[in-house]
Amino acid sequence: MIQGVPVPDREQRTITDAQWNDAQVIWDYQQMGHEPRPCSATICLGSHDLGAAAFAARQYHAGLFPVLVFSGGNSPTTADLYPRGEAVHFREHALALGVPDSAILLEPNAGNTGQNITFSREVLLGAGVEVESVMLIAMPYMERRAYATCRKVWPEVDVVCASDPLDFADYVKSIGDERLVIDTMVGDLQRVVEYPKLGFAIEQEVPDDVLAAYERLLHAGFDSRLLKS
């Protein structure tokens, strides 16, 4: 069971081949494998990764949805990077990529994934958008948690998860901090397991090989993004 107990070797900097392989196992599990298809609307979850906004812009231009909500305030990770809030900066990036302002709705207050979805639902309702299906766009390793959260807080909507189709190595290169990516993936997997117990998400099966990869990475010190005890 994942308990999120910090363990030794925080100072380790070299990432071994075995650790890369474990991270790949978690990466593969955290993606839902949904095929992008037309939806009533899209919610793009704010984060440190502006690539999600660029991917959302491409999906809009591909005609997969008529309206796009950028959702997110700030977090300790993004406060310096996006001082006016994640949603505001994501919106500006999408506008620069040719998404018309008329197709964008802004939700600038969410501080977690449940709020991303709940507040965005309220914004869509307020704008008179009838939503039968929603595309959730997030970082690739966050697909599964976004899905589980949406199924909990908005169970009646049909959910499609999507993210920039980068492989693991290319994604790490795009972020530029390999340890941060692995730490964050480990923290995200912890939340996939623990959040259903707190009522934040639906429960999902986590295969034994994924749990084993998590435990090895945790014991190797990839623990900076774990839930606080």
Protein backbone atom coordinates (compact mmCIF):
# COMPACT_ATOMS: atom_id res chain seq x y z
CA MET A 1 0.00 0.00 0.00
CA ILE A 2 1.19 3.51 -0.75
CA GLN A 3 1.60 5.43 2.47
CA GLY A 4 3.82 8.31 1.29
CA VAL A 5 6.56 7.91 3.89
CA PRO A 6 9.72 9.82 2.92
CA VAL A 7 12.74 7.56 2.77
CA PRO A 8 16.49 7.87 2.30
CA ASP A 9 18.76 9.13 -0.44
CA ARG A 10 17.25 12.55 -1.11
CA GLU A 11 20.63 13.77 -2.28
CA GLN A 12 20.94 11.21 -5.06
CA ARG A 13 21.28 12.94 -8.41
CA THR A 14 22.20 10.19 -10.89
CA ILE A 15 19.16 8.44 -12.34
CA THR A 16 19.93 4.82 -13.13
CA ASP A 17 18.60 2.79 -16.05
CA ALA A 18 16.48 0.78 -13.64
CA GLN A 19 14.92 3.96 -12.27
CA TRP A 20 14.18 5.19 -15.78
CA ASN A 21 12.49 1.86 -16.48
CA ASP A 22 10.39 2.20 -13.32
CA ALA A 23 9.41 5.74 -14.28
CA GLN A 24 8.39 4.46 -17.72
CA VAL A 25 6.10 1.86 -16.11
CA ILE A 26 4.37 4.59 -14.10
CA TRP A 27 4.20 6.91 -17.14
CA ASP A 28 2.47 4.21 -19.21
CA TYR A 29 -0.05 3.48 -16.45
CA GLN A 30 -0.91 7.13 -15.86
CA GLN A 31 -2.06 7.64 -19.44
CA MET A 32 -5.61 6.49 -20.22
CA GLY A 33 -5.11 5.68 -23.89
CA HIS A 34 -8.31 7.43 -24.97
CA GLU A 35 -8.66 8.30 -28.62
CA PRO A 36 -9.36 12.04 -29.03
CA ARG A 37 -12.83 12.57 -30.48
CA PRO A 38 -15.34 15.42 -30.77
CA CYS A 39 -16.68 16.63 -27.41
CA SER A 40 -19.13 19.29 -26.23
CA ALA A 41 -16.32 21.21 -24.52
CA THR A 42 -12.77 20.93 -23.26
CA ILE A 43 -11.25 21.74 -19.89
CA CYS A 44 -7.52 22.38 -19.91
CA LEU A 45 -6.11 21.95 -16.41
CA GLY A 46 -3.56 24.54 -15.39
CA SER A 47 -0.04 23.46 -14.43
CA HIS A 48 3.59 24.41 -14.93
CA ASP A 49 3.48 22.90 -18.43
CA LEU A 50 2.44 25.38 -21.12
CA GLY A 51 2.52 22.48 -23.58
CA ALA A 52 -0.98 21.56 -22.41
CA ALA A 53 -2.30 24.89 -23.71
CA ALA A 54 -0.51 24.38 -27.04
CA PHE A 55 -2.00 20.90 -27.34
CA ALA A 56 -5.46 22.28 -26.53
CA ALA A 57 -5.03 24.85 -29.29
CA ARG A 58 -4.17 22.10 -31.79
CA GLN A 59 -7.22 20.08 -30.80
CA TYR A 60 -9.42 23.16 -31.21
CA HIS A 61 -8.05 23.78 -34.70
CA ALA A 62 -8.71 20.10 -35.47
CA GLY A 63 -12.40 20.79 -34.78
CA LEU A 64 -12.76 18.51 -31.76
CA PHE A 65 -14.67 21.01 -29.58
CA PRO A 66 -16.30 24.45 -29.92
CA VAL A 67 -15.43 25.87 -26.52
CA LEU A 68 -12.39 25.63 -24.26
CA VAL A 69 -12.08 26.39 -20.55
CA PHE A 70 -8.67 27.22 -19.17
CA SER A 71 -8.73 26.49 -15.46
CA GLY A 72 -6.30 27.25 -12.65
CA GLY A 73 -5.12 29.87 -10.21
CA ASN A 74 -1.68 29.49 -8.73
CA SER A 75 0.33 26.95 -6.78
CA PRO A 76 3.74 27.14 -5.14
CA THR A 77 5.15 25.55 -8.32
CA THR A 78 3.63 28.09 -10.72
CA ALA A 79 3.37 31.36 -8.76
CA ASP A 80 6.65 32.72 -10.10
CA LEU A 81 6.26 31.18 -13.55
CA TYR A 82 2.71 32.45 -14.15
CA PRO A 83 2.22 35.37 -11.74
CA ARG A 84 -1.22 36.28 -13.13
CA GLY A 85 -2.45 32.72 -12.75
CA GLU A 86 -2.20 29.55 -14.80
CA ALA A 87 -5.49 29.99 -16.65
CA VAL A 88 -4.65 33.56 -17.69
CA HIS A 89 -1.25 32.61 -19.11
CA PHE A 90 -2.63 29.49 -20.80
CA ARG A 91 -5.36 31.58 -22.43
CA GLU A 92 -2.82 34.08 -23.74
CA HIS A 93 -0.74 31.27 -25.20
CA ALA A 94 -3.78 29.80 -26.95
CA LEU A 95 -4.73 33.21 -28.36
CA ALA A 96 -1.20 33.55 -29.74
CA LEU A 97 -1.71 30.17 -31.41
CA GLY A 98 -4.84 31.35 -33.18
CA VAL A 99 -7.67 30.18 -30.92
CA PRO A 100 -10.35 32.91 -31.08
CA ASP A 101 -11.23 34.67 -27.86
CA SER A 102 -14.89 33.83 -28.46
CA ALA A 103 -14.06 30.12 -28.04
CA ILE A 104 -12.30 30.54 -24.68
CA LEU A 105 -13.76 30.64 -21.18
CA LEU A 106 -11.64 31.45 -18.16
CA GLU A 107 -11.73 29.81 -14.73
CA PRO A 108 -8.98 31.53 -12.70
CA ASN A 109 -9.63 30.30 -9.16
CA ALA A 110 -9.11 26.54 -8.97
CA GLY A 111 -6.40 25.33 -6.63
CA ASN A 112 -6.69 21.57 -7.20
CA THR A 113 -7.99 19.09 -9.77
CA GLY A 114 -11.42 18.74 -8.18
CA GLN A 115 -11.86 22.50 -8.28
CA ASN A 116 -10.57 22.61 -11.87
CA ILE A 117 -13.45 20.40 -12.92
CA THR A 118 -16.15 21.67 -10.55
CA PHE A 119 -15.47 25.36 -11.18
CA SER A 120 -15.13 24.81 -14.95
CA ARG A 121 -18.46 23.02 -14.97
CA GLU A 122 -20.02 26.08 -13.33
CA VAL A 123 -18.38 28.39 -15.89
CA LEU A 124 -19.73 26.28 -18.75
CA LEU A 125 -23.21 26.26 -17.20
CA GLY A 126 -23.06 30.03 -16.74
CA ALA A 127 -22.14 30.45 -20.39
CA GLY A 128 -25.10 28.34 -21.48
CA VAL A 129 -22.98 25.49 -22.84
CA GLU A 130 -24.74 22.13 -22.78
CA VAL A 131 -22.15 19.50 -21.95
CA GLU A 132 -22.71 15.84 -22.68
CA SER A 133 -19.04 15.02 -23.17
CA VAL A 134 -15.88 16.74 -22.03
CA MET A 135 -12.26 16.44 -23.07
CA LEU A 136 -9.83 16.84 -20.18
CA ILE A 137 -6.43 18.09 -21.30
CA ALA A 138 -3.60 17.85 -18.81
CA MET A 139 0.01 16.82 -18.54
CA PRO A 140 0.53 13.26 -19.87
CA TYR A 141 1.20 11.73 -16.45
CA MET A 142 -1.90 13.38 -14.98
CA GLU A 143 -4.49 11.81 -17.30
CA ARG A 144 -5.53 9.01 -14.95
CA ARG A 145 -5.92 11.24 -11.90
CA ALA A 146 -7.90 13.79 -13.94
CA TYR A 147 -10.18 11.01 -15.18
CA ALA A 148 -10.72 9.56 -11.69
CA THR A 149 -11.49 13.01 -10.30
CA CYS A 150 -13.96 13.88 -13.03
CA ARG A 151 -15.80 10.59 -12.65
CA LYS A 152 -16.23 11.43 -8.97
CA VAL A 153 -17.30 15.09 -9.16
CA TRP A 154 -19.11 15.01 -12.54
CA PRO A 155 -20.24 11.38 -12.96
CA GLU A 156 -22.90 12.00 -15.58
CA VAL A 157 -20.58 13.45 -18.22
CA ASP A 158 -18.74 11.34 -20.80
CA VAL A 159 -14.99 11.89 -20.24
CA VAL A 160 -12.18 11.78 -22.78
CA CYS A 161 -8.65 12.34 -21.48
CA ALA A 162 -5.98 13.73 -23.79
CA SER A 163 -2.47 15.11 -23.61
CA ASP A 164 0.41 15.97 -25.87
CA PRO A 165 1.43 12.60 -27.41
CA LEU A 166 5.08 12.76 -26.39
CA ASP A 167 6.98 9.70 -25.28
CA PHE A 168 8.51 9.76 -21.82
CA ALA A 169 12.03 10.76 -22.87
CA ASP A 170 10.78 13.58 -25.09
CA TYR A 171 8.50 14.88 -22.36
CA VAL A 172 11.33 14.95 -19.82
CA LYS A 173 13.46 16.81 -22.37
CA SER A 174 10.68 19.36 -22.94
CA ILE A 175 10.47 20.09 -19.19
CA GLY A 176 14.22 20.17 -18.69
CA ASP A 177 14.27 18.70 -15.18
CA GLU A 178 14.26 14.92 -15.14
CA ARG A 179 14.16 14.58 -11.38
CA LEU A 180 11.21 16.98 -11.05
CA VAL A 181 9.24 14.96 -13.60
CA ILE A 182 9.85 11.65 -11.84
CA ASP A 183 9.16 13.14 -8.41
CA THR A 184 5.88 14.57 -9.70
CA MET A 185 4.86 11.29 -11.34
CA VAL A 186 5.48 9.46 -8.07
CA GLY A 187 3.36 12.04 -6.23
CA ASP A 188 0.60 11.76 -8.80
CA LEU A 189 0.47 7.99 -8.47
CA GLN A 190 0.25 8.33 -4.70
CA ARG A 191 -2.82 10.53 -5.22
CA VAL A 192 -4.41 8.01 -7.60
CA VAL A 193 -4.26 5.48 -4.75
CA GLU A 194 -4.99 7.69 -1.75
CA TYR A 195 -7.58 10.18 -3.06
CA PRO A 196 -10.45 7.66 -3.36
CA LYS A 197 -10.10 7.02 0.40
CA LEU A 198 -10.60 10.75 0.96
CA GLY A 199 -13.59 10.98 -1.37
CA PHE A 200 -11.78 13.01 -4.02
CA ALA A 201 -11.77 10.47 -6.86
CA ILE A 202 -13.04 7.08 -7.95
CA GLU A 203 -10.95 4.04 -7.12
CA GLN A 204 -8.90 2.47 -9.89
CA GLU A 205 -6.96 -0.77 -10.08
CA VAL A 206 -3.21 -0.26 -9.85
CA PRO A 207 -1.25 -3.25 -11.20
CA ASP A 208 1.39 -4.88 -9.02
CA ASP A 209 4.24 -3.90 -11.35
CA VAL A 210 3.20 -0.24 -11.11
CA LEU A 211 3.09 -0.38 -7.31
CA ALA A 212 6.47 -2.09 -7.24
CA ALA A 213 7.97 0.60 -9.49
CA TYR A 214 6.51 3.25 -7.18
CA GLU A 215 8.03 1.66 -4.08
CA ARG A 216 11.48 1.40 -5.66
CA LEU A 217 11.44 5.03 -6.78
CA LEU A 218 10.19 6.14 -3.38
CA HIS A 219 13.01 4.31 -1.63
CA ALA A 220 15.46 5.88 -4.07
CA GLY A 221 14.40 9.32 -2.82
CA PHE A 222 11.95 10.51 -5.48
CA ASP A 223 9.59 11.84 -2.84
CA SER A 224 9.47 15.63 -2.99
CA ARG A 225 5.90 15.73 -4.38
CA LEU A 226 4.22 13.40 -1.92
CA LEU A 227 1.15 14.34 0.06
CA LYS A 228 1.94 15.90 3.40
CA SER A 229 1.26 13.62 6.36
